[in-house]
Amino acid sequence: MESDELHLLDMLSLVYEDMDIDAIEERFVNFVAEIFSFDRVVLFFVKHRKEILQGKLCKGFEVGTVSSIKISVEEEYLFTRPRVTRFPVIVTSHE
């Protein structure tokens, strides 16, 4: 089995090993940071009624700073475009 497949299986096993949602979210953030070698990771949730992304959990940021982040879900923002258009954003340059 390839390394990417093992990481995916590890991530999927989070739900089956521990049904505590806070623990699952924390382990997910740690897996993402490890798999992609990211220094910082932020987990956002969509608040459907208000159409905003709300910061929930982070790694690599000062504790408490992410929970105050709220981003309006609008197509003009690259970060929220997939939520609006239902299509992924593909970036082809590193500019």
N, C-alpha and C. Protein backbone atom coordinates (compact mmCIF):
# COMPACT_ATOMS: atom_id res chain seq x y z
N MET A 1 0.85 -1.18 0.00
CA MET A 1 0.00 0.00 0.00
C MET A 1 0.89 1.24 0.00
N GLU A 2 0.54 2.22 -0.80
CA GLU A 2 1.33 3.44 -0.89
C GLU A 2 1.13 4.31 0.35
N SER A 3 2.08 5.20 0.58
CA SER A 3 2.07 6.07 1.75
C SER A 3 0.80 6.93 1.81
N ASP A 4 0.37 7.50 0.67
CA ASP A 4 -0.84 8.33 0.64
C ASP A 4 -2.07 7.54 1.07
N GLU A 5 -2.13 6.28 0.63
CA GLU A 5 -3.27 5.45 1.01
C GLU A 5 -3.26 5.16 2.50
N LEU A 6 -2.07 4.96 3.07
CA LEU A 6 -1.98 4.73 4.51
C LEU A 6 -2.44 5.94 5.29
N HIS A 7 -2.07 7.14 4.84
CA HIS A 7 -2.50 8.36 5.52
C HIS A 7 -4.01 8.50 5.46
N LEU A 8 -4.60 8.20 4.32
CA LEU A 8 -6.05 8.29 4.19
C LEU A 8 -6.73 7.31 5.13
N LEU A 9 -6.23 6.10 5.22
CA LEU A 9 -6.80 5.12 6.14
C LEU A 9 -6.65 5.58 7.59
N ASP A 10 -5.51 6.19 7.92
CA ASP A 10 -5.32 6.73 9.26
C ASP A 10 -6.36 7.79 9.57
N MET A 11 -6.61 8.67 8.61
CA MET A 11 -7.58 9.74 8.82
C MET A 11 -8.99 9.19 8.97
N LEU A 12 -9.33 8.20 8.15
CA LEU A 12 -10.67 7.61 8.24
C LEU A 12 -10.86 6.86 9.55
N SER A 13 -9.80 6.30 10.08
CA SER A 13 -9.90 5.55 11.33
C SER A 13 -10.19 6.45 12.52
N LEU A 14 -9.99 7.75 12.38
CA LEU A 14 -10.27 8.68 13.48
C LEU A 14 -11.70 8.52 13.98
N VAL A 15 -12.63 8.40 13.07
CA VAL A 15 -14.04 8.33 13.43
C VAL A 15 -14.35 7.04 14.18
N TYR A 16 -13.72 5.97 13.79
CA TYR A 16 -14.02 4.68 14.40
C TYR A 16 -13.33 4.48 15.74
N GLU A 17 -12.17 5.09 15.93
CA GLU A 17 -11.42 4.89 17.17
C GLU A 17 -11.93 5.74 18.32
N ASP A 18 -12.42 6.91 18.03
CA ASP A 18 -12.77 7.84 19.08
C ASP A 18 -13.97 8.67 18.63
N MET A 19 -15.08 8.52 19.29
CA MET A 19 -16.28 9.24 18.88
C MET A 19 -16.38 10.63 19.52
N ASP A 20 -15.37 11.05 20.26
CA ASP A 20 -15.33 12.38 20.84
C ASP A 20 -14.96 13.36 19.73
N ILE A 21 -15.88 14.22 19.32
CA ILE A 21 -15.69 15.09 18.17
C ILE A 21 -14.49 16.03 18.37
N ASP A 22 -14.27 16.52 19.57
CA ASP A 22 -13.13 17.41 19.82
C ASP A 22 -11.81 16.67 19.60
N ALA A 23 -11.75 15.45 20.05
CA ALA A 23 -10.53 14.65 19.86
C ALA A 23 -10.32 14.32 18.38
N ILE A 24 -11.40 14.03 17.67
CA ILE A 24 -11.31 13.75 16.24
C ILE A 24 -10.79 14.97 15.49
N GLU A 25 -11.34 16.15 15.80
CA GLU A 25 -10.90 17.38 15.14
C GLU A 25 -9.43 17.67 15.41
N GLU A 26 -9.02 17.50 16.64
CA GLU A 26 -7.62 17.76 16.99
C GLU A 26 -6.68 16.78 16.27
N ARG A 27 -7.05 15.52 16.24
CA ARG A 27 -6.22 14.53 15.55
C ARG A 27 -6.20 14.80 14.05
N PHE A 28 -7.31 15.23 13.49
CA PHE A 28 -7.38 15.56 12.06
C PHE A 28 -6.40 16.70 11.74
N VAL A 29 -6.43 17.77 12.53
CA VAL A 29 -5.53 18.90 12.31
C VAL A 29 -4.08 18.45 12.40
N ASN A 30 -3.77 17.61 13.37
CA ASN A 30 -2.40 17.11 13.51
C ASN A 30 -2.00 16.23 12.32
N PHE A 31 -2.90 15.39 11.83
CA PHE A 31 -2.62 14.57 10.65
C PHE A 31 -2.35 15.44 9.43
N VAL A 32 -3.17 16.45 9.20
CA VAL A 32 -2.98 17.34 8.05
C VAL A 32 -1.62 18.02 8.13
N ALA A 33 -1.27 18.53 9.30
CA ALA A 33 0.02 19.19 9.48
C ALA A 33 1.17 18.22 9.19
N GLU A 34 1.03 17.00 9.66
CA GLU A 34 2.10 16.00 9.47
C GLU A 34 2.19 15.53 8.02
N ILE A 35 1.06 15.19 7.42
CA ILE A 35 1.05 14.64 6.06
C ILE A 35 1.60 15.64 5.05
N PHE A 36 1.21 16.89 5.17
CA PHE A 36 1.60 17.92 4.20
C PHE A 36 2.77 18.78 4.67
N SER A 37 3.33 18.46 5.82
CA SER A 37 4.46 19.21 6.40
C SER A 37 4.13 20.70 6.55
N PHE A 38 2.92 20.99 7.02
CA PHE A 38 2.52 22.37 7.25
C PHE A 38 2.94 22.81 8.66
N ASP A 39 3.40 24.06 8.76
CA ASP A 39 3.73 24.64 10.06
C ASP A 39 2.46 25.11 10.78
N ARG A 40 1.48 25.52 9.97
CA ARG A 40 0.24 26.04 10.53
C ARG A 40 -0.97 25.45 9.81
N VAL A 41 -1.98 25.09 10.58
CA VAL A 41 -3.22 24.52 10.03
C VAL A 41 -4.39 25.14 10.80
N VAL A 42 -5.45 25.49 10.07
CA VAL A 42 -6.66 26.01 10.71
C VAL A 42 -7.84 25.19 10.21
N LEU A 43 -8.71 24.82 11.12
CA LEU A 43 -9.94 24.11 10.80
C LEU A 43 -11.09 25.09 10.95
N PHE A 44 -11.86 25.25 9.87
CA PHE A 44 -13.03 26.13 9.87
C PHE A 44 -14.29 25.30 9.73
N PHE A 45 -15.38 25.81 10.26
CA PHE A 45 -16.70 25.21 10.07
C PHE A 45 -17.59 26.21 9.36
N VAL A 46 -18.49 25.70 8.53
CA VAL A 46 -19.44 26.55 7.84
C VAL A 46 -20.67 26.72 8.74
N LYS A 47 -21.01 27.95 9.03
CA LYS A 47 -22.26 28.25 9.72
C LYS A 47 -23.26 28.59 8.63
N HIS A 48 -24.09 27.62 8.28
CA HIS A 48 -24.97 27.72 7.12
C HIS A 48 -25.96 28.88 7.21
N ARG A 49 -26.58 29.07 8.32
CA ARG A 49 -27.59 30.13 8.43
C ARG A 49 -27.00 31.52 8.26
N LYS A 50 -25.77 31.69 8.72
CA LYS A 50 -25.13 32.99 8.61
C LYS A 50 -24.22 33.08 7.40
N GLU A 51 -23.99 31.94 6.71
CA GLU A 51 -23.10 31.88 5.55
C GLU A 51 -21.72 32.47 5.85
N ILE A 52 -21.15 31.98 6.95
CA ILE A 52 -19.78 32.37 7.30
C ILE A 52 -18.97 31.13 7.64
N LEU A 53 -17.66 31.25 7.49
CA LEU A 53 -16.74 30.25 8.00
C LEU A 53 -16.28 30.74 9.36
N GLN A 54 -16.36 29.88 10.34
CA GLN A 54 -15.95 30.22 11.70
C GLN A 54 -14.72 29.40 12.07
N GLY A 55 -13.66 30.07 12.52
CA GLY A 55 -12.47 29.38 12.98
C GLY A 55 -12.79 28.50 14.16
N LYS A 56 -12.27 27.28 14.14
CA LYS A 56 -12.59 26.33 15.20
C LYS A 56 -11.34 25.87 15.96
N LEU A 57 -10.33 25.42 15.22
CA LEU A 57 -9.17 24.79 15.83
C LEU A 57 -7.95 25.08 14.99
N CYS A 58 -6.79 25.14 15.62
CA CYS A 58 -5.58 25.43 14.85
C CYS A 58 -4.36 24.74 15.42
N LYS A 59 -3.33 24.75 14.63
CA LYS A 59 -2.01 24.29 15.06
C LYS A 59 -1.02 25.29 14.49
N GLY A 60 -0.11 25.79 15.32
CA GLY A 60 0.90 26.73 14.86
C GLY A 60 0.53 28.19 15.01
N PHE A 61 -0.62 28.46 15.61
CA PHE A 61 -1.05 29.82 15.89
C PHE A 61 -1.21 29.97 17.41
N GLU A 62 -1.21 31.21 17.87
CA GLU A 62 -1.43 31.46 19.28
C GLU A 62 -2.82 30.98 19.69
N VAL A 63 -2.90 30.33 20.82
CA VAL A 63 -4.17 29.78 21.31
C VAL A 63 -5.22 30.88 21.42
N GLY A 64 -6.40 30.61 20.91
CA GLY A 64 -7.52 31.54 21.02
C GLY A 64 -7.66 32.52 19.86
N THR A 65 -6.66 32.64 18.99
CA THR A 65 -6.75 33.62 17.91
C THR A 65 -7.66 33.16 16.79
N VAL A 66 -7.75 31.88 16.55
CA VAL A 66 -8.52 31.36 15.42
C VAL A 66 -10.02 31.40 15.67
N SER A 67 -10.43 31.20 16.90
CA SER A 67 -11.87 31.17 17.18
C SER A 67 -12.55 32.50 16.92
N SER A 68 -11.81 33.58 16.86
CA SER A 68 -12.40 34.89 16.58
C SER A 68 -12.49 35.20 15.09
N ILE A 69 -11.95 34.32 14.24
CA ILE A 69 -11.96 34.55 12.79
C ILE A 69 -13.31 34.13 12.21
N LYS A 70 -13.92 35.05 11.47
CA LYS A 70 -15.17 34.78 10.76
C LYS A 70 -14.99 35.31 9.35
N ILE A 71 -15.24 34.46 8.36
CA ILE A 71 -15.06 34.84 6.96
C ILE A 71 -16.38 34.67 6.24
N SER A 72 -16.85 35.73 5.60
CA SER A 72 -18.09 35.69 4.83
C SER A 72 -17.91 34.76 3.63
N VAL A 73 -18.89 33.92 3.38
CA VAL A 73 -18.84 32.99 2.25
C VAL A 73 -19.32 33.72 1.00
N GLU A 74 -18.34 34.13 0.18
CA GLU A 74 -18.63 34.84 -1.06
C GLU A 74 -17.71 34.31 -2.15
N GLU A 75 -18.19 34.30 -3.37
CA GLU A 75 -17.42 33.76 -4.50
C GLU A 75 -16.14 34.55 -4.77
N GLU A 76 -16.12 35.82 -4.44
CA GLU A 76 -14.95 36.64 -4.74
C GLU A 76 -13.72 36.24 -3.92
N TYR A 77 -13.92 35.55 -2.81
CA TYR A 77 -12.79 35.13 -1.98
C TYR A 77 -12.33 33.73 -2.40
N LEU A 78 -11.07 33.61 -2.74
CA LEU A 78 -10.52 32.33 -3.16
C LEU A 78 -10.76 31.26 -2.11
N PHE A 79 -10.64 31.63 -0.85
CA PHE A 79 -10.76 30.71 0.26
C PHE A 79 -12.16 30.10 0.37
N THR A 80 -13.19 30.85 0.02
CA THR A 80 -14.56 30.36 0.17
C THR A 80 -15.23 30.00 -1.16
N ARG A 81 -14.54 30.23 -2.26
CA ARG A 81 -15.14 29.96 -3.58
C ARG A 81 -15.66 28.53 -3.74
N PRO A 82 -14.95 27.50 -3.28
CA PRO A 82 -15.48 26.13 -3.43
C PRO A 82 -16.83 25.94 -2.74
N ARG A 83 -17.05 26.62 -1.63
CA ARG A 83 -18.33 26.52 -0.92
C ARG A 83 -19.45 27.13 -1.74
N VAL A 84 -19.16 28.20 -2.46
CA VAL A 84 -20.18 28.90 -3.25
C VAL A 84 -20.42 28.19 -4.58
N THR A 85 -19.34 27.83 -5.27
CA THR A 85 -19.47 27.28 -6.63
C THR A 85 -19.62 25.76 -6.66
N ARG A 86 -19.27 25.11 -5.56
CA ARG A 86 -19.28 23.64 -5.47
C ARG A 86 -18.21 22.99 -6.34
N PHE A 87 -17.18 23.77 -6.72
CA PHE A 87 -16.05 23.26 -7.49
C PHE A 87 -14.75 23.60 -6.77
N PRO A 88 -13.75 22.73 -6.87
CA PRO A 88 -12.46 23.04 -6.23
C PRO A 88 -11.74 24.18 -6.92
N VAL A 89 -10.86 24.81 -6.21
CA VAL A 89 -10.01 25.86 -6.78
C VAL A 89 -8.67 25.22 -7.09
N ILE A 90 -8.21 25.39 -8.32
CA ILE A 90 -6.93 24.85 -8.73
C ILE A 90 -6.01 26.02 -9.02
N VAL A 91 -4.92 26.10 -8.29
CA VAL A 91 -3.95 27.17 -8.46
C VAL A 91 -2.77 26.58 -9.23
N THR A 92 -2.43 27.21 -10.36
CA THR A 92 -1.37 26.67 -11.22
C THR A 92 -0.06 27.42 -11.11
N SER A 93 -0.05 28.58 -10.44
CA SER A 93 1.20 29.32 -10.28
C SER A 93 1.41 29.60 -8.81
N HIS A 94 2.64 29.88 -8.45
CA HIS A 94 2.97 30.14 -7.04
C HIS A 94 3.21 31.61 -6.79
N GLU A 95 2.62 32.47 -7.57
CA GLU A 95 2.81 33.91 -7.44
C GLU A 95 2.02 34.46 -6.27
